[in-house]
Amino acid sequence: MDKLSSPLTTFDRKSLYPFTFVKSCLDLRVGILTLREKWQKLALAFDVHYIAAHSNEEGIIWLSENVIPSVVLLQAIQRLGVGEVLVQGGYVIACCYARMGSYRVQEIDTSVDLLKGIEDLFLLAGAEITRDFNLLVQDVQSSSISVTNQLLGNDLYVGARVSVECATINTLQGPIYIDEDVTIMEGAHLRGPLYLGKGAVVKMGATIYGNVSIGKQSVIGGEIGNSVIGDFSAKGHHGYLGCSVIGDWCNLGAGSSNSNLKNNLKTVSIYDYALDGVRDTGLLKCGAFIGDYTRLGINSALNTGTVIGIASMLADTSFYAKFVPSFAWVFDGGAQTYEFDKFMAYLETLYASKGEELTEQIKDKLNQLNTKYN
């Protein structure tokens, strides 16, 4: 069957905007590990060669960026012959490159997970935390925790130099992986599946309901459930975050909350960059999606299905629009002139405060995106 004449769908990077504006889909964390890290660990376990660079060598396997790695998928890929395309419901998963001739389409005989839309990042978080947990804790010794904590269940991994006292840790509904240098303050309630990244801080009285993945050096307070928060981000105060995805280097001001359920109990629609329009997710519960480097002022209110681009500075006293583009500057109900140089100066200070370097590569990328979208 000729590949070009087949009605097949391939991955569009825009379908995961605003989270793939700056980074590759492979560098998105789904569960505990990024997609790239998952592939590398599976390749090592199965003694196969992981190729990150592009190649036109016949027989090289090309993989769709948005596929969630798994053992059954790797086995299906290994069975591909030259010129075969692996699909799921018409969606291209992998292809064994052939220099000449037609491609033959082959339906995969087992279901695999895909990041088709931004909501999949939180929908798949719990299952992927469990899968990654089982992959990572084999033959690894967990650190012990103080008797001041209440532990329910046994699926707990604690990394080195973790500080946790007087917390409730419930692994009966799923595992909890606490990475090294994490601080969990008194009175925190944690329920799995849960991942706390390196150097993360969970503040006093925080409530985490499960299916939550927190990036490195992020700060968590208030209530959170069914959500993903990237690296170096802060939701450090009271307020609710549910069925949501927050990018890297974001800040949610004190009292900020989102809605994840419509009053009329109808499905939630969101803005889709690939469609340049609104798409019905089919979900009754769907919260907010906030791109990298965006900051929200105190008491920010986010409606169901709100999508906010990257590098925006928002401080409003009413609900934000359901779609806020990248590089927006909103204050007290009105849009302000965006000052990119001022934003970059702030970003330099922010990176320095975390002991990180704002690289020229990131600066150039943000400058290009600002020129294109602002």
Protein backbone atom coordinates (compact mmCIF):
# COMPACT_ATOMS: atom_id res chain seq x y z
CA MET A 1 0.00 0.00 0.00
CA ASP A 2 1.44 3.38 -1.01
CA LYS A 3 2.11 5.57 2.01
CA LEU A 4 1.29 8.80 0.21
CA SER A 5 -2.14 7.64 -0.96
CA SER A 6 -3.26 6.34 2.44
CA PRO A 7 -5.58 8.47 4.61
CA LEU A 8 -3.16 8.48 7.55
CA THR A 9 -2.76 11.07 10.31
CA THR A 10 0.66 12.14 11.56
CA PHE A 11 1.71 14.09 14.63
CA ASP A 12 1.48 17.87 14.42
CA ARG A 13 3.74 19.63 16.94
CA LYS A 14 1.17 22.45 17.22
CA SER A 15 -1.32 20.04 18.78
CA LEU A 16 0.76 20.19 21.98
CA TYR A 17 1.26 23.97 21.99
CA PRO A 18 1.86 25.86 24.26
CA PHE A 19 4.03 23.12 25.82
CA THR A 20 6.10 22.46 22.70
CA PHE A 21 6.78 26.07 21.76
CA VAL A 22 10.19 25.96 23.43
CA LYS A 23 10.93 22.25 23.93
CA SER A 24 10.61 19.07 21.93
CA CYS A 25 7.69 16.75 22.58
CA LEU A 26 10.30 14.17 23.61
CA ASP A 27 11.30 16.40 26.53
CA LEU A 28 7.81 16.56 28.00
CA ARG A 29 7.53 14.70 31.30
CA VAL A 30 4.65 12.24 31.35
CA GLY A 31 4.61 10.57 34.76
CA ILE A 32 8.09 10.56 36.31
CA LEU A 33 10.22 10.46 33.16
CA THR A 34 10.23 12.46 29.95
CA LEU A 35 9.41 10.60 26.74
CA ARG A 36 13.10 10.76 25.78
CA GLU A 37 14.14 9.23 29.13
CA LYS A 38 11.53 6.47 28.76
CA TRP A 39 12.86 5.51 25.32
CA GLN A 40 16.45 5.53 26.53
CA LYS A 41 15.67 3.25 29.48
CA LEU A 42 13.66 0.83 27.35
CA ALA A 43 16.39 0.77 24.69
CA LEU A 44 18.97 -0.03 27.35
CA ALA A 45 16.82 -2.78 28.84
CA PHE A 46 16.25 -4.40 25.43
CA ASP A 47 19.79 -3.80 24.16
CA VAL A 48 18.69 -1.76 21.14
CA HIS A 49 20.36 1.32 19.71
CA TYR A 50 18.66 4.61 20.54
CA ILE A 51 19.20 7.17 17.77
CA ALA A 52 18.42 10.79 18.58
CA ALA A 53 19.83 12.30 15.37
CA HIS A 54 18.16 12.18 11.96
CA SER A 55 19.28 9.44 9.59
CA ASN A 56 18.30 8.32 6.08
CA GLU A 57 19.76 4.82 6.38
CA GLU A 58 17.41 2.13 5.08
CA GLY A 59 15.91 0.09 7.92
CA ILE A 60 16.12 2.94 10.43
CA ILE A 61 12.98 3.16 12.55
CA TRP A 62 11.27 6.53 12.58
CA LEU A 63 9.01 7.10 15.59
CA SER A 64 6.27 9.63 16.09
CA GLU A 65 7.38 12.04 18.83
CA ASN A 66 4.10 11.83 20.72
CA VAL A 67 4.03 8.05 21.31
CA ILE A 68 4.22 6.92 24.93
CA PRO A 69 6.98 4.25 25.10
CA SER A 70 6.11 0.78 26.35
CA VAL A 71 7.49 -2.75 26.16
CA VAL A 72 4.70 -3.98 23.86
CA LEU A 73 5.26 -1.02 21.54
CA LEU A 74 8.99 -1.65 21.39
CA GLN A 75 8.36 -5.29 20.56
CA ALA A 76 5.95 -4.30 17.76
CA ILE A 77 8.50 -1.86 16.38
CA GLN A 78 11.24 -4.50 16.40
CA ARG A 79 9.06 -6.70 14.18
CA LEU A 80 8.72 -4.01 11.48
CA GLY A 81 10.22 -4.82 8.10
CA VAL A 82 11.72 -2.32 5.66
CA GLY A 83 8.96 -0.23 4.12
CA GLU A 84 6.35 -1.01 6.79
CA VAL A 85 4.34 1.66 8.58
CA LEU A 86 2.87 0.91 12.02
CA VAL A 87 -0.47 2.63 12.64
CA GLN A 88 -3.20 2.75 15.25
CA GLY A 89 -6.62 3.70 13.96
CA GLY A 90 -5.08 5.49 11.01
CA TYR A 91 -2.57 7.36 13.18
CA VAL A 92 1.08 6.80 12.26
CA ILE A 93 3.17 5.45 15.14
CA ALA A 94 6.38 4.27 13.47
CA CYS A 95 7.92 3.61 10.08
CA CYS A 96 10.82 1.44 8.94
CA TYR A 97 12.50 3.64 6.35
CA ALA A 98 12.87 2.45 2.76
CA ARG A 99 14.72 4.41 0.09
CA MET A 100 12.52 3.21 -2.75
CA GLY A 101 9.15 1.56 -3.31
CA SER A 102 5.74 1.66 -1.69
CA TYR A 103 5.05 1.52 2.02
CA ARG A 104 2.85 -1.17 3.56
CA VAL A 105 0.52 -0.14 6.36
CA GLN A 106 0.27 -2.46 9.36
CA GLU A 107 -2.22 -2.00 12.20
CA ILE A 108 -0.67 -2.50 15.64
CA ASP A 109 -2.23 -5.46 17.46
CA THR A 110 -2.21 -3.79 20.89
CA SER A 111 -3.31 -0.37 22.07
CA VAL A 112 -0.67 2.30 22.74
CA ASP A 113 -1.04 5.72 24.33
CA LEU A 114 -0.44 8.90 22.37
CA LEU A 115 -0.20 12.58 23.24
CA LYS A 116 -2.75 13.78 20.70
CA GLY A 117 -3.81 16.86 22.66
CA ILE A 118 -2.67 18.85 25.66
CA GLU A 119 -5.29 17.24 27.91
CA ASP A 120 -3.51 13.90 27.49
CA LEU A 121 -0.65 15.26 29.59
CA PHE A 122 -2.79 15.15 32.73
CA LEU A 123 -5.01 12.25 31.67
CA LEU A 124 -2.01 9.90 31.34
CA ALA A 125 -0.05 11.17 34.35
CA GLY A 126 -1.31 8.65 36.92
CA ALA A 127 -0.85 5.54 34.80
CA GLU A 128 2.59 6.70 33.66
CA ILE A 129 3.71 7.45 37.23
CA THR A 130 2.82 3.85 38.10
CA ARG A 131 4.62 2.47 35.06
CA ASP A 132 7.73 4.59 35.63
CA PHE A 133 7.73 3.77 39.35
CA ASN A 134 7.86 0.04 38.60
CA LEU A 135 10.66 0.64 36.10
CA LEU A 136 12.78 2.80 38.39
CA VAL A 137 12.53 1.15 41.80
CA GLN A 138 13.75 -2.28 40.78
CA ASP A 139 16.84 -3.18 42.83
CA VAL A 140 17.01 0.38 44.25
CA GLN A 141 17.03 1.02 47.98
CA SER A 142 14.59 3.64 49.25
CA SER A 143 15.53 5.96 52.09
CA SER A 144 13.52 5.66 55.29
CA ILE A 145 11.15 8.29 56.65
CA SER A 146 10.48 9.46 60.20
CA VAL A 147 7.91 7.75 62.44
CA THR A 148 6.16 11.13 62.74
CA ASN A 149 4.62 10.42 59.32
CA GLN A 150 1.52 8.31 58.70
CA LEU A 151 2.23 5.84 55.89
CA LEU A 152 -0.55 3.83 54.22
CA GLY A 153 0.55 1.10 51.84
CA ASN A 154 4.04 0.12 50.72
CA ASP A 155 4.49 1.58 47.22
CA LEU A 156 6.75 4.41 48.34
CA TYR A 157 10.19 5.42 47.12
CA VAL A 158 12.12 8.14 48.94
CA GLY A 159 15.32 9.59 47.50
CA ALA A 160 18.36 10.90 49.32
CA ARG A 161 18.23 13.98 51.57
CA VAL A 162 14.42 14.12 51.70
CA SER A 163 12.93 16.07 54.60
CA VAL A 164 9.42 14.95 55.60
CA GLU A 165 7.75 15.16 59.00
CA CYS A 166 4.13 14.83 60.21
CA ALA A 167 2.73 14.11 56.74
CA THR A 168 0.08 11.64 55.59
CA ILE A 169 1.41 9.48 52.75
CA ASN A 170 -1.20 7.22 51.13
CA THR A 171 -0.02 4.76 48.46
CA LEU A 172 -3.11 2.53 48.54
CA GLN A 173 -4.45 4.08 45.31
CA GLY A 174 -1.09 4.32 43.57
CA PRO A 175 2.66 4.66 44.17
CA ILE A 176 4.46 7.75 45.41
CA TYR A 177 7.95 8.57 44.18
CA ILE A 178 9.72 11.31 46.15
CA ASP A 179 12.91 12.35 44.40
CA GLU A 180 16.07 13.52 46.15
CA ASP A 181 16.29 16.82 48.08
CA VAL A 182 12.49 17.17 48.36
CA THR A 183 11.04 19.00 51.37
CA ILE A 184 7.56 18.07 52.61
CA MET A 185 6.38 20.31 55.45
CA GLU A 186 4.16 19.37 58.38
CA GLY A 187 0.49 18.62 57.79
CA ALA A 188 0.80 17.80 54.09
CA HIS A 189 -1.54 15.10 52.77
CA LEU A 190 -0.20 13.10 49.83
CA ARG A 191 -2.06 10.47 47.83
CA GLY A 192 -0.66 8.46 44.94
CA PRO A 193 -0.06 8.12 42.11
CA LEU A 194 2.30 11.02 42.76
CA TYR A 195 5.74 12.17 41.65
CA LEU A 196 7.65 14.93 43.45
CA GLY A 197 10.66 16.05 41.41
CA LYS A 198 14.16 16.82 42.67
CA GLY A 199 14.27 19.72 45.10
CA ALA A 200 10.49 20.24 45.10
CA VAL A 201 8.84 21.78 48.14
CA VAL A 202 5.39 20.84 49.47
CA LYS A 203 4.22 23.48 51.92
CA MET A 204 2.38 23.12 55.23
CA GLY A 205 -1.15 21.80 54.95
CA ALA A 206 -0.96 21.11 51.21
CA THR A 207 -3.42 18.52 49.87
CA ILE A 208 -2.44 16.45 46.83
CA TYR A 209 -5.20 14.10 45.70
CA GLY A 210 -3.26 11.91 43.27
CA ASN A 211 -2.49 11.60 39.57
CA VAL A 212 -0.09 14.48 40.06
CA SER A 213 3.41 15.00 38.66
CA ILE A 214 5.55 17.85 40.00
CA GLY A 215 8.76 19.04 38.34
CA LYS A 216 12.12 19.78 39.95
CA GLN A 217 12.40 22.69 42.37
CA SER A 218 8.71 23.51 42.05
CA VAL A 219 6.77 24.73 45.09
CA ILE A 220 3.33 23.36 45.94
CA GLY A 221 0.64 24.60 48.33
CA GLY A 222 -3.16 24.47 48.59
CA GLU A 223 -5.14 21.77 46.78
CA ILE A 224 -4.06 19.96 43.65
CA GLY A 225 -5.30 16.88 41.82
CA ASN A 226 -5.03 15.26 38.39
CA SER A 227 -2.45 17.80 37.27
CA VAL A 228 1.05 18.26 35.95
CA ILE A 229 3.39 21.08 36.98
CA GLY A 230 6.69 21.64 35.19
CA ASP A 231 10.15 22.48 36.50
CA PHE A 232 10.87 25.59 38.59
CA SER A 233 7.20 26.56 38.83
CA ALA A 234 5.29 27.77 41.86
CA LYS A 235 1.77 27.16 43.09
CA GLY A 236 2.84 27.87 46.60
CA HIS A 237 -0.32 29.20 48.25
CA HIS A 238 -3.96 28.35 48.90
CA GLY A 239 -6.17 27.78 45.90
CA TYR A 240 -7.29 24.81 43.79
CA LEU A 241 -5.62 23.36 40.72
CA GLY A 242 -7.31 20.41 39.05
CA CYS A 243 -7.21 18.57 35.70
CA SER A 244 -4.59 21.06 34.56
CA VAL A 245 -1.12 21.37 33.07
CA ILE A 246 1.33 24.10 34.08
CA GLY A 247 4.58 24.60 32.17
CA ASP A 248 8.11 25.38 33.37
CA TRP A 249 9.06 28.57 35.23
CA CYS A 250 5.43 29.56 35.89
CA ASN A 251 3.95 31.25 38.94
CA LEU A 252 0.37 31.16 40.22
CA GLY A 253 -0.27 34.01 42.64
CA ALA A 254 -1.74 33.44 46.09
CA GLY A 255 -5.41 32.46 46.00
CA SER A 256 -5.40 31.49 42.32
CA SER A 257 -7.83 28.71 41.40
CA ASN A 258 -9.26 27.03 38.34
CA SER A 259 -12.61 25.50 37.50
CA ASN A 260 -12.54 22.04 35.95
CA LEU A 261 -16.27 21.32 35.74
CA LYS A 262 -18.96 23.33 33.96
CA ASN A 263 -22.12 24.21 35.90
CA ASN A 264 -24.27 22.68 33.15
CA LEU A 265 -22.22 19.46 33.27
CA LYS A 266 -21.48 19.62 29.55
CA THR A 267 -18.17 18.64 27.98
CA VAL A 268 -15.33 21.16 27.99
CA SER A 269 -13.93 22.77 24.85
CA ILE A 270 -10.42 24.21 24.58
CA TYR A 271 -8.43 26.25 22.08
CA ASP A 272 -6.33 24.00 19.83
CA TYR A 273 -3.32 25.63 18.13
CA ALA A 274 -3.21 22.99 15.39
CA LEU A 275 -6.80 23.75 14.42
CA ASP A 276 -6.50 27.48 15.15
CA GLY A 277 -9.87 27.13 16.78
CA VAL A 278 -11.88 25.51 19.54
CA ARG A 279 -12.06 21.74 19.98
CA ASP A 280 -14.41 19.74 22.20
CA THR A 281 -12.29 17.51 24.46
CA GLY A 282 -15.21 15.23 25.25
CA LEU A 283 -14.25 15.57 28.92
CA LEU A 284 -16.58 16.59 31.73
CA LYS A 285 -13.56 17.63 33.80
CA CYS A 286 -10.86 19.73 32.18
CA GLY A 287 -9.02 22.62 33.80
CA ALA A 288 -6.34 25.09 32.72
CA PHE A 289 -3.28 24.85 30.48
CA ILE A 290 -0.53 27.43 31.03
CA GLY A 291 2.61 27.68 28.90
CA ASP A 292 6.20 28.17 30.09
CA TYR A 293 7.28 31.44 31.75
CA THR A 294 3.74 32.71 32.38
CA ARG A 295 2.89 34.43 35.65
CA LEU A 296 -0.56 34.96 37.20
CA GLY A 297 -1.31 37.64 39.80
CA ILE A 298 -2.99 36.98 43.16
CA ASN A 299 -6.55 35.62 43.20
CA SER A 300 -6.47 34.78 39.50
CA ALA A 301 -9.58 32.91 38.34
CA LEU A 302 -9.37 30.41 35.49
CA ASN A 303 -12.46 28.98 33.82
CA THR A 304 -12.84 25.42 32.55
CA GLY A 305 -10.64 24.76 29.55
CA THR A 306 -8.57 27.94 29.75
CA VAL A 307 -5.46 27.91 27.53
CA ILE A 308 -2.71 30.48 28.11
CA GLY A 309 0.39 30.77 25.95
CA ILE A 310 4.02 31.24 26.98
CA ALA A 311 5.74 34.24 28.56
CA SER A 312 2.53 36.06 29.51
CA MET A 313 2.15 38.40 32.49
CA LEU A 314 -1.43 38.37 33.77
CA ALA A 315 -2.96 40.25 36.70
CA ASP A 316 -6.73 40.54 36.53
CA THR A 317 -9.56 40.59 39.05
CA SER A 318 -12.07 38.63 36.95
CA PHE A 319 -11.97 35.44 34.89
CA TYR A 320 -9.35 35.47 32.16
CA ALA A 321 -10.39 34.83 28.58
CA LYS A 322 -10.64 31.14 27.65
CA PHE A 323 -7.68 31.67 25.33
CA VAL A 324 -4.83 34.06 26.10
CA PRO A 325 -2.10 34.17 23.43
CA SER A 326 1.62 34.06 24.15
CA PHE A 327 3.46 37.25 25.13
CA ALA A 328 0.31 38.87 26.52
CA TRP A 329 0.42 41.54 29.22
CA VAL A 330 -2.97 41.88 30.91
CA PHE A 331 -3.65 44.13 33.89
CA ASP A 332 -6.98 45.03 35.54
CA GLY A 333 -9.12 44.02 32.59
CA GLY A 334 -7.04 45.64 29.87
CA ALA A 335 -4.23 44.55 27.58
CA GLN A 336 -0.98 46.47 28.04
CA THR A 337 1.88 46.99 25.59
CA TYR A 338 4.17 43.98 25.89
CA GLU A 339 7.72 44.96 26.82
CA PHE A 340 9.87 42.04 25.70
CA ASP A 341 13.14 43.53 26.99
CA LYS A 342 11.56 43.99 30.41
CA PHE A 343 10.37 40.39 30.37
CA MET A 344 13.84 39.10 29.44
CA ALA A 345 15.45 41.14 32.25
CA TYR A 346 12.97 39.55 34.68
CA LEU A 347 13.80 36.12 33.26
CA GLU A 348 17.54 36.65 33.84
CA THR A 349 16.81 37.44 37.48
CA LEU A 350 14.47 34.45 37.82
CA TYR A 351 17.03 31.99 36.45
CA ALA A 352 19.78 33.44 38.65
CA SER A 353 17.56 33.07 41.73
CA LYS A 354 17.45 29.29 41.10
CA GLY A 355 21.14 29.01 40.27
CA GLU A 356 20.32 28.27 36.63
CA GLU A 357 21.69 29.79 33.43
CA LEU A 358 19.42 31.45 30.89
CA THR A 359 21.20 30.17 27.79
CA GLU A 360 21.60 32.02 24.52
CA GLN A 361 19.66 29.22 22.86
CA ILE A 362 16.60 29.88 25.03
CA LYS A 363 16.96 33.65 24.55
CA ASP A 364 17.10 33.26 20.78
CA LYS A 365 14.11 30.92 20.77
CA LEU A 366 11.99 33.30 22.86
CA ASN A 367 13.03 36.24 20.70
CA GLN A 368 12.01 34.35 17.56
CA LEU A 369 8.66 33.38 19.06
CA ASN A 370 8.02 36.92 20.27
CA THR A 371 8.73 38.29 16.79
CA LYS A 372 6.40 35.70 15.24
CA TYR A 373 3.46 35.87 17.64
CA ASN A 374 3.53 39.31 19.26
